[in-house]
Amino acid sequence: MVFEGMALAGYATGAKLGILYLREEYRYLEKQLETVLLGMRGKGLLGRNIAGKEGFDYDIRIQFGAGAYVCGEESALIESCEGKRGEPRNRPPFPVQVGYLDKPTVINNVESLCSVVKILEKGAEWYKSMGTKETSGTKLLSISGDVRYPGVFEVEWGITVQEALEMSGAMNVKAVQVGGPSGRLIGPNEFHRTICYEDLPTGGAFIVIGEGRKILDVVKNFMDFFIDESCGSCAPCRYLTVILRNKLNKIMEGKGVASDLDDLVNWGKQMKIANRCGLGQSAANPILSSIENFRYEYEAKIEKGKDFDTRFDLNKAIQESSRAVGRFPQA
C-alpha cells in the first residue's frame, strides 16, 4: 500500500524517483519489500508508462540509514540519503525547493501515503466518515509499556486515552507518555481526552507507565535518550540537555532545592525556541510535562528549608588538575 501511495505521489508531483528510507534495524524487511517492488514492476505499476499512461515513468528504490532518531526530521533524512551525517539543514530553502541532490523533494510518512490509496479506492466521504470533525480517518497507535496486549492498533481518530488503555489491557496506570519521548506525559486526570489534532495529537507512540514505576526514573531515561540522539549541531541541544539531566540527577539524589525546579522549567522553555529542529525543540518536554502533571514527585525529593545549595566543593573539583601541574592551593 505504501508503494502504491508513493507511485500516486510521483504521478501528482511529476517525480521520477521514489526512495523508501528505512533504519538499518529493519534490514530484515529488505527481501520482502524488494519482492513486492519486483511484482509491481511486472504488473506495470512501476517503471515506464505505468498502467499504460504515456510519460508516467516512476520507480522506487530502498535505502537504509544509520538509524538516528534525528533522521525523523525531513532535512536530516535527506542528508542521510545523500550519504552524509544525519543532521538538519538550515531552512529556507525547504526540501520542496531544494531537497535530495538539490532537486525538489516531497517527504511523507507511511500513514499519509497509505491513506491516499484508501481515499482513492473508497472515496473522500468514506474517509471523512471516520474520526473527528477536524481529524479524519484512522491512526496507528503503537502501544507499549505496562499493558497486557502491547502492539500496533489501527483506530479511528477521536478515541479517548481511556479507551486505548482498555483496548490494550492496561491496569493500575499512573501515567501515559503520548507521542513518544518528545510528546506529553499525562496523568489520570487527562485520560478522558481524545486523540486528535484538536485535542491531544500524537505521531502514534503511546507508552503506558504503571503505578509501580517512578516518574523521575522515566523522565531521566528520556533525557538520556535525547542526549544520545542529538546530532549536536545546535548548542542548546548539545549542552542544555546535559545540564537539565544533571539538574534532574541532583534532585533524584535528594540534593535539590526549590529553585532547582524553577530552573528546570525556565531552562526547559528555552529549549523550545533555541533549536532549529524538532528534536531539540522538544527535548525538554519530558521534564516540562512531568513537572506540570507530577510536580509532587519532584517536591518529595526537594530538601526542605533551603533556598540555595549548589553542593559544589571547589577544592575537590580542582584536585585532578592540581595533581597534573604539581601545584596545590595554599591554606
C-alpha atoms as a PDB file:
ATOM      1  CA  MET A   1       0.000   0.000   0.000  1.00  0.00           C
ATOM      2  CA  VAL A   2       2.809   2.425   0.803  1.00  0.00           C
ATOM      3  CA  PHE A   3       4.465   1.708  -2.566  1.00  0.00           C
ATOM      4  CA  GLU A   4       1.160   2.398  -4.321  1.00  0.00           C
ATOM      5  CA  GLY A   5       0.882   5.653  -2.372  1.00  0.00           C
ATOM      6  CA  MET A   6       4.401   6.628  -3.433  1.00  0.00           C
ATOM      7  CA  ALA A   7       3.552   5.939  -7.070  1.00  0.00           C
ATOM      8  CA  LEU A   8       0.454   8.130  -6.772  1.00  0.00           C
ATOM      9  CA  ALA A   9       2.559  10.879  -5.186  1.00  0.00           C
ATOM     10  CA  GLY A  10       5.021  10.529  -8.067  1.00  0.00           C
ATOM     11  CA  TYR A  11       2.198  10.975 -10.569  1.00  0.00           C
ATOM     12  CA  ALA A  12       0.816  14.006  -8.718  1.00  0.00           C
ATOM     13  CA  THR A  13       4.177  15.771  -8.486  1.00  0.00           C
ATOM     14  CA  GLY A  14       5.779  14.630 -11.739  1.00  0.00           C
ATOM     15  CA  ALA A  15       8.605  12.895  -9.859  1.00  0.00           C
ATOM     16  CA  LYS A  16      10.611  10.134 -11.497  1.00  0.00           C
ATOM     17  CA  LEU A  17      12.203   8.553  -8.422  1.00  0.00           C
ATOM     18  CA  GLY A  18      10.883   7.459  -5.037  1.00  0.00           C
ATOM     19  CA  ILE A  19      13.061   6.458  -2.103  1.00  0.00           C
ATOM     20  CA  LEU A  20      11.814   4.306   0.767  1.00  0.00           C
ATOM     21  CA  TYR A  21      14.079   5.194   3.697  1.00  0.00           C
ATOM     22  CA  LEU A  22      14.470   2.573   6.417  1.00  0.00           C
ATOM     23  CA  ARG A  23      16.504   2.406   9.594  1.00  0.00           C
ATOM     24  CA  GLU A  24      19.277  -0.188   9.437  1.00  0.00           C
ATOM     25  CA  GLU A  25      17.471  -2.097  12.204  1.00  0.00           C
ATOM     26  CA  TYR A  26      14.795  -3.035   9.639  1.00  0.00           C
ATOM     27  CA  ARG A  27      17.216  -4.713   7.243  1.00  0.00           C
ATOM     28  CA  TYR A  28      15.271  -7.970   7.721  1.00  0.00           C
ATOM     29  CA  LEU A  29      12.414  -6.433   5.686  1.00  0.00           C
ATOM     30  CA  GLU A  30      14.548  -5.831   2.602  1.00  0.00           C
ATOM     31  CA  LYS A  31      13.956  -9.143   0.791  1.00  0.00           C
ATOM     32  CA  GLN A  32      10.185  -8.978   1.248  1.00  0.00           C
ATOM     33  CA  LEU A  33       9.994  -5.352   0.134  1.00  0.00           C
ATOM     34  CA  GLU A  34      12.153  -5.942  -2.926  1.00  0.00           C
ATOM     35  CA  THR A  35       9.864  -8.847  -3.848  1.00  0.00           C
ATOM     36  CA  VAL A  36       6.852  -6.526  -3.700  1.00  0.00           C
ATOM     37  CA  LEU A  37       8.623  -3.951  -5.882  1.00  0.00           C
ATOM     38  CA  LEU A  38       9.559  -6.627  -8.410  1.00  0.00           C
ATOM     39  CA  GLY A  39       5.944  -7.767  -8.580  1.00  0.00           C
ATOM     40  CA  MET A  40       4.715  -4.204  -9.144  1.00  0.00           C
ATOM     41  CA  ARG A  41       7.182  -3.724 -11.986  1.00  0.00           C
ATOM     42  CA  GLY A  42       5.969  -6.965 -13.534  1.00  0.00           C
ATOM     43  CA  LYS A  43       2.365  -5.694 -13.427  1.00  0.00           C
ATOM     44  CA  GLY A  44       3.307  -2.370 -14.981  1.00  0.00           C
ATOM     45  CA  LEU A  45       2.684  -0.445 -11.772  1.00  0.00           C
ATOM     46  CA  LEU A  46       6.280   0.816 -11.633  1.00  0.00           C
ATOM     47  CA  GLY A  47       8.767   1.669 -14.362  1.00  0.00           C
ATOM     48  CA  ARG A  48       7.974   3.235 -17.752  1.00  0.00           C
ATOM     49  CA  ASN A  49       4.471   4.236 -18.867  1.00  0.00           C
ATOM     50  CA  ILE A  50       2.849   3.000 -15.658  1.00  0.00           C
ATOM     51  CA  ALA A  51      -0.627   1.491 -16.135  1.00  0.00           C
ATOM     52  CA  GLY A  52      -0.283   2.255 -19.840  1.00  0.00           C
ATOM     53  CA  LYS A  53      -0.156   6.017 -19.262  1.00  0.00           C
ATOM     54  CA  GLU A  54       2.338   7.570 -21.681  1.00  0.00           C
ATOM     55  CA  GLY A  55       5.017   9.570 -19.887  1.00  0.00           C
ATOM     56  CA  PHE A  56       4.162   8.292 -16.391  1.00  0.00           C
ATOM     57  CA  ASP A  57       7.635   6.976 -15.579  1.00  0.00           C
ATOM     58  CA  TYR A  58       8.355   6.319 -11.910  1.00  0.00           C
ATOM     59  CA  ASP A  59      10.321   3.785  -9.902  1.00  0.00           C
ATOM     60  CA  ILE A  60      11.226   3.185  -6.252  1.00  0.00           C
ATOM     61  CA  ARG A  61      14.403   2.113  -4.547  1.00  0.00           C
ATOM     62  CA  ILE A  62      15.075   1.252  -0.897  1.00  0.00           C
ATOM     63  CA  GLN A  63      17.771   2.982   1.108  1.00  0.00           C
ATOM     64  CA  PHE A  64      18.939   2.168   4.616  1.00  0.00           C
ATOM     65  CA  GLY A  65      20.186   4.745   7.092  1.00  0.00           C
ATOM     66  CA  ALA A  66      22.176   4.519  10.302  1.00  0.00           C
ATOM     67  CA  GLY A  67      19.070   4.672  12.464  1.00  0.00           C
ATOM     68  CA  ALA A  68      19.462   8.045  14.149  1.00  0.00           C
ATOM     69  CA  TYR A  69      16.322   9.438  15.804  1.00  0.00           C
ATOM     70  CA  VAL A  70      17.082  12.874  14.353  1.00  0.00           C
ATOM     71  CA  CYS A  71      16.577  11.441  10.852  1.00  0.00           C
ATOM     72  CA  GLY A  72      12.871  11.632  11.563  1.00  0.00           C
ATOM     73  CA  GLU A  73      13.352  15.300  10.690  1.00  0.00           C
ATOM     74  CA  GLU A  74      12.943  15.599   6.921  1.00  0.00           C
ATOM     75  CA  SER A  75      16.088  17.510   6.037  1.00  0.00           C
ATOM     76  CA  ALA A  76      18.247  15.249   8.240  1.00  0.00           C
ATOM     77  CA  LEU A  77      16.709  12.278   6.427  1.00  0.00           C
ATOM     78  CA  ILE A  78      17.698  13.824   3.091  1.00  0.00           C
ATOM     79  CA  GLU A  79      21.261  14.330   4.328  1.00  0.00           C
ATOM     80  CA  SER A  80      21.393  10.651   5.314  1.00  0.00           C
ATOM     81  CA  CYS A  81      20.011   9.623   1.908  1.00  0.00           C
ATOM     82  CA  GLU A  82      22.882  11.531   0.306  1.00  0.00           C
ATOM     83  CA  GLY A  83      25.387   9.520   2.342  1.00  0.00           C
ATOM     84  CA  LYS A  84      26.155  12.303   4.774  1.00  0.00           C
ATOM     85  CA  ARG A  85      25.778  12.643   8.521  1.00  0.00           C
ATOM     86  CA  GLY A  86      22.100  12.824   9.509  1.00  0.00           C
ATOM     87  CA  GLU A  87      21.881  16.476  10.536  1.00  0.00           C
ATOM     88  CA  PRO A  88      19.072  19.006   9.948  1.00  0.00           C
ATOM     89  CA  ARG A  89      19.625  21.663   7.305  1.00  0.00           C
ATOM     90  CA  ASN A  90      19.038  25.354   7.715  1.00  0.00           C
ATOM     91  CA  ARG A  91      15.773  26.438   6.102  1.00  0.00           C
ATOM     92  CA  PRO A  92      14.916  28.068   3.767  1.00  0.00           C
ATOM     93  CA  PRO A  93      15.346  26.636   1.216  1.00  0.00           C
ATOM     94  CA  PHE A  94      12.816  23.953   2.071  1.00  0.00           C
ATOM     95  CA  PRO A  95      13.020  20.410   0.642  1.00  0.00           C
ATOM     96  CA  VAL A  96      10.188  21.088  -1.830  1.00  0.00           C
ATOM     97  CA  GLN A  97      12.527  23.686  -3.339  1.00  0.00           C
ATOM     98  CA  VAL A  98      15.976  22.162  -2.798  1.00  0.00           C
ATOM     99  CA  GLY A  99      15.961  18.626  -1.435  1.00  0.00           C
ATOM    100  CA  TYR A 100      17.607  15.333  -2.354  1.00  0.00           C
ATOM    101  CA  LEU A 101      20.622  16.023  -4.593  1.00  0.00           C
ATOM    102  CA  ASP A 102      19.406  19.649  -4.739  1.00  0.00           C
ATOM    103  CA  LYS A 103      16.215  18.586  -6.545  1.00  0.00           C
ATOM    104  CA  PRO A 104      12.674  19.439  -5.371  1.00  0.00           C
ATOM    105  CA  THR A 105      11.709  16.680  -2.925  1.00  0.00           C
ATOM    106  CA  VAL A 106       8.485  15.681  -1.182  1.00  0.00           C
ATOM    107  CA  ILE A 107       8.901  13.896   2.150  1.00  0.00           C
ATOM    108  CA  ASN A 108       5.933  11.991   3.544  1.00  0.00           C
ATOM    109  CA  ASN A 109       5.270   9.312   6.136  1.00  0.00           C
ATOM    110  CA  VAL A 110       3.944   5.805   5.661  1.00  0.00           C
ATOM    111  CA  GLU A 111       0.492   6.521   7.097  1.00  0.00           C
ATOM    112  CA  SER A 112      -0.167   9.518   4.843  1.00  0.00           C
ATOM    113  CA  LEU A 113       0.883   7.627   1.701  1.00  0.00           C
ATOM    114  CA  CYS A 114      -1.292   4.652   2.649  1.00  0.00           C
ATOM    115  CA  SER A 115      -4.241   6.954   3.359  1.00  0.00           C
ATOM    116  CA  VAL A 116      -4.023   8.327  -0.203  1.00  0.00           C
ATOM    117  CA  VAL A 117      -4.533   4.799  -1.557  1.00  0.00           C
ATOM    118  CA  LYS A 118      -7.547   4.160   0.680  1.00  0.00           C
ATOM    119  CA  ILE A 119      -9.132   7.520  -0.182  1.00  0.00           C
ATOM    120  CA  LEU A 120      -8.803   6.922  -3.935  1.00  0.00           C
ATOM    121  CA  GLU A 121     -10.186   3.409  -3.560  1.00  0.00           C
ATOM    122  CA  LYS A 122     -13.158   4.163  -1.298  1.00  0.00           C
ATOM    123  CA  GLY A 123     -13.706   7.897  -1.672  1.00  0.00           C
ATOM    124  CA  ALA A 124     -13.205  11.022   0.378  1.00  0.00           C
ATOM    125  CA  GLU A 125     -16.626  10.814   2.043  1.00  0.00           C
ATOM    126  CA  TRP A 126     -15.863   7.318   3.344  1.00  0.00           C
ATOM    127  CA  TYR A 127     -12.592   8.578   4.829  1.00  0.00           C
ATOM    128  CA  LYS A 128     -14.235  11.640   6.349  1.00  0.00           C
ATOM    129  CA  SER A 129     -16.907   9.469   7.959  1.00  0.00           C
ATOM    130  CA  MET A 130     -14.245   8.255  10.394  1.00  0.00           C
ATOM    131  CA  GLY A 131     -12.531  10.261  13.104  1.00  0.00           C
ATOM    132  CA  THR A 132     -13.465  13.733  14.296  1.00  0.00           C
ATOM    133  CA  LYS A 133     -14.593  16.905  12.556  1.00  0.00           C
ATOM    134  CA  GLU A 134     -11.049  18.261  12.251  1.00  0.00           C
ATOM    135  CA  THR A 135      -9.128  14.961  12.121  1.00  0.00           C
ATOM    136  CA  SER A 136     -10.470  12.447   9.608  1.00  0.00           C
ATOM    137  CA  GLY A 137      -9.595   8.826   9.084  1.00  0.00           C
ATOM    138  CA  THR A 138      -7.668   6.301  11.130  1.00  0.00           C
ATOM    139  CA  LYS A 139      -4.481   6.331  13.171  1.00  0.00           C
ATOM    140  CA  LEU A 140      -1.894   3.681  14.014  1.00  0.00           C
ATOM    141  CA  LEU A 141      -1.163   3.611  17.752  1.00  0.00           C
ATOM    142  CA  SER A 142       1.975   1.806  18.870  1.00  0.00           C
ATOM    143  CA  ILE A 143       1.062   0.926  22.460  1.00  0.00           C
ATOM    144  CA  SER A 144       3.828  -0.343  24.736  1.00  0.00           C
ATOM    145  CA  GLY A 145       4.818  -0.365  28.383  1.00  0.00           C
ATOM    146  CA  ASP A 146       2.780  -1.738  31.274  1.00  0.00           C
ATOM    147  CA  VAL A 147      -0.023  -3.316  29.247  1.00  0.00           C
ATOM    148  CA  ARG A 148      -1.257  -6.866  28.705  1.00  0.00           C
ATOM    149  CA  TYR A 149      -1.537  -6.575  24.919  1.00  0.00           C
ATOM    150  CA  PRO A 150       1.286  -4.408  23.508  1.00  0.00           C
ATOM    151  CA  GLY A 151       1.241  -3.867  19.770  1.00  0.00           C
ATOM    152  CA  VAL A 152       0.220  -1.640  16.887  1.00  0.00           C
ATOM    153  CA  PHE A 153      -3.511  -0.859  16.729  1.00  0.00           C
ATOM    154  CA  GLU A 154      -5.337   0.880  13.891  1.00  0.00           C
ATOM    155  CA  VAL A 155      -8.103   3.011  15.410  1.00  0.00           C
ATOM    156  CA  GLU A 156     -10.286   5.896  14.344  1.00  0.00           C
ATOM    157  CA  TRP A 157      -9.070   9.342  15.336  1.00  0.00           C
ATOM    158  CA  GLY A 158     -11.083  10.553  18.321  1.00  0.00           C
ATOM    159  CA  ILE A 159     -10.569   7.529  20.554  1.00  0.00           C
ATOM    160  CA  THR A 160     -10.048   8.541  24.186  1.00  0.00           C
ATOM    161  CA  VAL A 161      -6.906   7.730  26.130  1.00  0.00           C
ATOM    162  CA  GLN A 162      -9.018   5.616  28.475  1.00  0.00           C
ATOM    163  CA  GLU A 163     -10.425   3.599  25.576  1.00  0.00           C
ATOM    164  CA  ALA A 164      -6.898   2.975  24.277  1.00  0.00           C
ATOM    165  CA  LEU A 165      -5.823   1.791  27.730  1.00  0.00           C
ATOM    166  CA  GLU A 166      -8.768  -0.600  27.989  1.00  0.00           C
ATOM    167  CA  MET A 167      -8.122  -1.906  24.474  1.00  0.00           C
ATOM    168  CA  SER A 168      -4.512  -2.774  25.330  1.00  0.00           C
ATOM    169  CA  GLY A 169      -5.300  -4.321  28.703  1.00  0.00           C
ATOM    170  CA  ALA A 170      -3.662  -1.663  30.867  1.00  0.00           C
ATOM    171  CA  MET A 171      -4.323  -1.716  34.613  1.00  0.00           C
ATOM    172  CA  ASN A 172      -3.215   0.458  37.544  1.00  0.00           C
ATOM    173  CA  VAL A 173      -1.943   3.171  35.214  1.00  0.00           C
ATOM    174  CA  LYS A 174      -0.081   6.093  36.746  1.00  0.00           C
ATOM    175  CA  ALA A 175       0.737   7.969  33.530  1.00  0.00           C
ATOM    176  CA  VAL A 176       0.803   7.781  29.739  1.00  0.00           C
ATOM    177  CA  GLN A 177       3.505   9.247  27.514  1.00  0.00           C
ATOM    178  CA  VAL A 178       1.569  10.328  24.430  1.00  0.00           C
ATOM    179  CA  GLY A 179       3.682  10.931  21.327  1.00  0.00           C
ATOM    180  CA  GLY A 180       6.910   9.207  22.364  1.00  0.00           C
ATOM    181  CA  PRO A 181       9.793  10.809  24.283  1.00  0.00           C
ATOM    182  CA  SER A 182       9.167  14.213  22.691  1.00  0.00           C
ATOM    183  CA  GLY A 183       5.439  14.129  23.440  1.00  0.00           C
ATOM    184  CA  ARG A 184       3.442  14.828  26.586  1.00  0.00           C
ATOM    185  CA  LEU A 185       3.284  12.929  29.881  1.00  0.00           C
ATOM    186  CA  ILE A 186      -0.276  12.926  31.195  1.00  0.00           C
ATOM    187  CA  GLY A 187      -1.902  11.652  34.381  1.00  0.00           C
ATOM    188  CA  PRO A 188      -5.314  10.051  35.082  1.00  0.00           C
ATOM    189  CA  ASN A 189      -6.963  13.475  35.159  1.00  0.00           C
ATOM    190  CA  GLU A 190      -6.422  13.659  31.370  1.00  0.00           C
ATOM    191  CA  PHE A 191      -7.366  10.104  30.399  1.00  0.00           C
ATOM    192  CA  HIS A 192     -10.748  11.406  29.177  1.00  0.00           C
ATOM    193  CA  ARG A 193      -9.067  13.390  26.393  1.00  0.00           C
ATOM    194  CA  THR A 194      -9.429  12.373  22.754  1.00  0.00           C
ATOM    195  CA  ILE A 195      -6.542  11.532  20.454  1.00  0.00           C
ATOM    196  CA  CYS A 196      -6.900  14.004  17.590  1.00  0.00           C
ATOM    197  CA  TYR A 197      -5.252  17.189  16.386  1.00  0.00           C
ATOM    198  CA  GLU A 198      -7.811  19.460  18.042  1.00  0.00           C
ATOM    199  CA  ASP A 199      -7.244  17.894  21.484  1.00  0.00           C
ATOM    200  CA  LEU A 200      -4.328  15.513  22.101  1.00  0.00           C
ATOM    201  CA  PRO A 201      -2.237  14.966  18.952  1.00  0.00           C
ATOM    202  CA  THR A 202       0.304  12.181  18.595  1.00  0.00           C
ATOM    203  CA  GLY A 203       2.565  10.695  15.981  1.00  0.00           C
ATOM    204  CA  GLY A 204       1.449   7.284  17.189  1.00  0.00           C
ATOM    205  CA  ALA A 205       3.647   6.288  20.150  1.00  0.00           C
ATOM    206  CA  PHE A 206       1.719   5.523  23.322  1.00  0.00           C
ATOM    207  CA  ILE A 207       3.801   4.443  26.339  1.00  0.00           C
ATOM    208  CA  VAL A 208       1.889   3.247  29.404  1.00  0.00           C
ATOM    209  CA  ILE A 209       3.510   3.725  32.815  1.00  0.00           C
ATOM    210  CA  GLY A 210       2.191   1.645  35.714  1.00  0.00           C
ATOM    211  CA  GLU A 211       1.814   2.553  39.380  1.00  0.00           C
ATOM    212  CA  GLY A 212       4.934   0.597  40.269  1.00  0.00           C
ATOM    213  CA  ARG A 213       7.240   2.998  38.429  1.00  0.00           C
ATOM    214  CA  LYS A 214       8.761   6.291  39.497  1.00  0.00           C
ATOM    215  CA  ILE A 215       8.068   9.201  37.178  1.00  0.00           C
ATOM    216  CA  LEU A 216      11.543  10.715  37.660  1.00  0.00           C
ATOM    217  CA  ASP A 217      13.151   7.446  36.532  1.00  0.00           C
ATOM    218  CA  VAL A 218      11.078   7.570  33.344  1.00  0.00           C
ATOM    219  CA  VAL A 219      11.984  11.217  32.723  1.00  0.00           C
ATOM    220  CA  LYS A 220      15.692  10.541  33.252  1.00  0.00           C
ATOM    221  CA  ASN A 221      15.530   7.688  30.742  1.00  0.00           C
ATOM    222  CA  PHE A 222      14.013  10.037  28.147  1.00  0.00           C
ATOM    223  CA  MET A 223      16.628  12.744  28.828  1.00  0.00           C
ATOM    224  CA  ASP A 224      19.452  10.213  28.430  1.00  0.00           C
ATOM    225  CA  PHE A 225      17.852   9.216  25.123  1.00  0.00           C
ATOM    226  CA  PHE A 226      17.785  12.800  23.813  1.00  0.00           C
ATOM    227  CA  ILE A 227      21.412  13.356  24.849  1.00  0.00           C
ATOM    228  CA  ASP A 228      22.436  10.241  22.902  1.00  0.00           C
ATOM    229  CA  GLU A 229      20.320  11.063  19.846  1.00  0.00           C
ATOM    230  CA  SER A 230      21.111  14.773  19.486  1.00  0.00           C
ATOM    231  CA  CYS A 231      23.176  15.497  16.375  1.00  0.00           C
ATOM    232  CA  GLY A 232      24.981  18.162  18.421  1.00  0.00           C
ATOM    233  CA  SER A 233      24.610  20.871  15.796  1.00  0.00           C
ATOM    234  CA  CYS A 234      22.768  23.401  17.993  1.00  0.00           C
ATOM    235  CA  ALA A 235      24.455  24.464  21.227  1.00  0.00           C
ATOM    236  CA  PRO A 236      21.271  24.401  23.379  1.00  0.00           C
ATOM    237  CA  CYS A 237      20.509  20.835  22.322  1.00  0.00           C
ATOM    238  CA  ARG A 238      24.145  19.833  22.746  1.00  0.00           C
ATOM    239  CA  TYR A 239      24.661  21.374  26.196  1.00  0.00           C
ATOM    240  CA  LEU A 240      21.319  22.191  27.783  1.00  0.00           C
ATOM    241  CA  THR A 241      20.018  18.622  27.570  1.00  0.00           C
ATOM    242  CA  VAL A 242      23.018  17.538  29.673  1.00  0.00           C
ATOM    243  CA  ILE A 243      22.556  20.437  32.121  1.00  0.00           C
ATOM    244  CA  LEU A 244      18.873  19.580  32.531  1.00  0.00           C
ATOM    245  CA  ARG A 245      19.671  15.888  33.053  1.00  0.00           C
ATOM    246  CA  ASN A 246      22.332  16.737  35.642  1.00  0.00           C
ATOM    247  CA  LYS A 247      19.930  19.039  37.488  1.00  0.00           C
ATOM    248  CA  LEU A 248      17.389  16.207  37.453  1.00  0.00           C
ATOM    249  CA  ASN A 249      20.010  13.830  38.872  1.00  0.00           C
ATOM    250  CA  LYS A 250      20.688  16.298  41.679  1.00  0.00           C
ATOM    251  CA  ILE A 251      17.008  16.292  42.623  1.00  0.00           C
ATOM    252  CA  MET A 252      16.748  12.499  42.369  1.00  0.00           C
ATOM    253  CA  GLU A 253      19.718  12.153  44.748  1.00  0.00           C
ATOM    254  CA  GLY A 254      17.848  14.229  47.339  1.00  0.00           C
ATOM    255  CA  LYS A 255      20.178  17.214  46.974  1.00  0.00           C
ATOM    256  CA  GLY A 256      17.811  19.554  45.129  1.00  0.00           C
ATOM    257  CA  VAL A 257      16.278  22.767  46.422  1.00  0.00           C
ATOM    258  CA  ALA A 258      13.136  24.644  45.406  1.00  0.00           C
ATOM    259  CA  SER A 259      14.970  26.870  42.930  1.00  0.00           C
ATOM    260  CA  ASP A 260      16.126  23.785  41.003  1.00  0.00           C
ATOM    261  CA  LEU A 261      12.533  23.143  39.935  1.00  0.00           C
ATOM    262  CA  ASP A 262      12.249  26.722  38.705  1.00  0.00           C
ATOM    263  CA  ASP A 263      15.496  26.280  36.760  1.00  0.00           C
ATOM    264  CA  LEU A 264      14.210  23.118  35.076  1.00  0.00           C
ATOM    265  CA  VAL A 265      11.041  24.880  33.944  1.00  0.00           C
ATOM    266  CA  ASN A 266      12.701  28.122  32.816  1.00  0.00           C
ATOM    267  CA  TRP A 267      15.593  26.455  31.022  1.00  0.00           C
ATOM    268  CA  GLY A 268      13.303  23.832  29.502  1.00  0.00           C
ATOM    269  CA  LYS A 269      11.149  26.533  27.931  1.00  0.00           C
ATOM    270  CA  GLN A 270      14.231  27.991  26.248  1.00  0.00           C
ATOM    271  CA  MET A 271      14.792  24.664  24.504  1.00  0.00           C
ATOM    272  CA  LYS A 272      11.559  25.205  22.567  1.00  0.00           C
ATOM    273  CA  ILE A 273      12.811  28.391  20.895  1.00  0.00           C
ATOM    274  CA  ALA A 274      16.566  27.999  20.653  1.00  0.00           C
ATOM    275  CA  ASN A 275      16.992  24.961  18.375  1.00  0.00           C
ATOM    276  CA  ARG A 276      16.438  24.560  14.659  1.00  0.00           C
ATOM    277  CA  CYS A 277      14.822  21.109  14.552  1.00  0.00           C
ATOM    278  CA  GLY A 278      12.022  19.300  16.313  1.00  0.00           C
ATOM    279  CA  LEU A 279      14.307  17.063  18.351  1.00  0.00           C
ATOM    280  CA  GLY A 280      15.989  19.965  20.110  1.00  0.00           C
ATOM    281  CA  GLN A 281      12.783  21.966  20.405  1.00  0.00           C
ATOM    282  CA  SER A 282      11.010  19.107  22.195  1.00  0.00           C
ATOM    283  CA  ALA A 283      13.907  17.581  24.162  1.00  0.00           C
ATOM    284  CA  ALA A 284      12.788  19.233  27.411  1.00  0.00           C
ATOM    285  CA  ASN A 285       9.178  18.061  27.064  1.00  0.00           C
ATOM    286  CA  PRO A 286       9.613  15.068  29.415  1.00  0.00           C
ATOM    287  CA  ILE A 287      10.733  17.423  32.189  1.00  0.00           C
ATOM    288  CA  LEU A 288       8.200  20.171  31.479  1.00  0.00           C
ATOM    289  CA  SER A 289       5.133  17.940  31.212  1.00  0.00           C
ATOM    290  CA  SER A 290       6.136  15.768  34.180  1.00  0.00           C
ATOM    291  CA  ILE A 291       6.614  18.818  36.405  1.00  0.00           C
ATOM    292  CA  GLU A 292       3.250  20.145  35.212  1.00  0.00           C
ATOM    293  CA  ASN A 293       1.386  16.911  35.993  1.00  0.00           C
ATOM    294  CA  PHE A 294       3.523  15.167  38.626  1.00  0.00           C
ATOM    295  CA  ARG A 295       5.160  18.026  40.499  1.00  0.00           C
ATOM    296  CA  TYR A 296       4.541  16.256  43.795  1.00  0.00           C
ATOM    297  CA  GLU A 297       7.088  13.561  42.865  1.00  0.00           C
ATOM    298  CA  TYR A 298       9.734  16.257  42.396  1.00  0.00           C
ATOM    299  CA  GLU A 299       8.782  18.111  45.566  1.00  0.00           C
ATOM    300  CA  ALA A 300       9.049  14.903  47.598  1.00  0.00           C
ATOM    301  CA  LYS A 301      12.752  14.822  46.712  1.00  0.00           C
ATOM    302  CA  ILE A 302      13.467  18.506  47.412  1.00  0.00           C
ATOM    303  CA  GLU A 303      15.402  19.460  50.558  1.00  0.00           C
ATOM    304  CA  LYS A 304      13.144  21.430  52.853  1.00  0.00           C
ATOM    305  CA  GLY A 305      14.123  24.771  54.372  1.00  0.00           C
ATOM    306  CA  LYS A 306      16.896  25.524  51.877  1.00  0.00           C
ATOM    307  CA  ASP A 307      16.733  28.226  49.239  1.00  0.00           C
ATOM    308  CA  PHE A 308      20.111  27.641  47.610  1.00  0.00           C
ATOM    309  CA  ASP A 309      22.699  24.887  47.746  1.00  0.00           C
ATOM    310  CA  THR A 310      24.985  24.063  44.851  1.00  0.00           C
ATOM    311  CA  ARG A 311      26.824  21.273  46.698  1.00  0.00           C
ATOM    312  CA  PHE A 312      29.909  22.470  44.854  1.00  0.00           C
ATOM    313  CA  ASP A 313      33.250  21.744  46.538  1.00  0.00           C
ATOM    314  CA  LEU A 314      35.967  23.877  44.908  1.00  0.00           C
ATOM    315  CA  ASN A 315      38.890  22.024  46.489  1.00  0.00           C
ATOM    316  CA  LYS A 316      37.535  18.661  45.350  1.00  0.00           C
ATOM    317  CA  ALA A 317      36.861  19.980  41.856  1.00  0.00           C
ATOM    318  CA  ILE A 318      40.457  21.118  41.260  1.00  0.00           C
ATOM    319  CA  GLN A 319      42.288  18.104  42.712  1.00  0.00           C
ATOM    320  CA  GLU A 320      42.861  16.380  39.382  1.00  0.00           C
ATOM    321  CA  SER A 321      44.177  19.489  37.642  1.00  0.00           C
ATOM    322  CA  SER A 322      46.321  20.323  40.682  1.00  0.00           C
ATOM    323  CA  ARG A 323      47.967  16.900  40.544  1.00  0.00           C
ATOM    324  CA  ALA A 324      48.581  17.309  36.812  1.00  0.00           C
ATOM    325  CA  VAL A 325      50.520  20.570  37.274  1.00  0.00           C
ATOM    326  CA  GLY A 326      52.036  19.679  40.648  1.00  0.00           C
ATOM    327  CA  ARG A 327      50.624  22.746  42.383  1.00  0.00           C
ATOM    328  CA  PHE A 328      48.069  22.827  45.155  1.00  0.00           C
ATOM    329  CA  PRO A 329      46.252  25.806  46.724  1.00  0.00           C
ATOM    330  CA  GLN A 330      47.775  27.128  49.902  1.00  0.00           C
ATOM    331  CA  ALA A 331      45.727  27.030  53.081  1.00  0.00           C
END
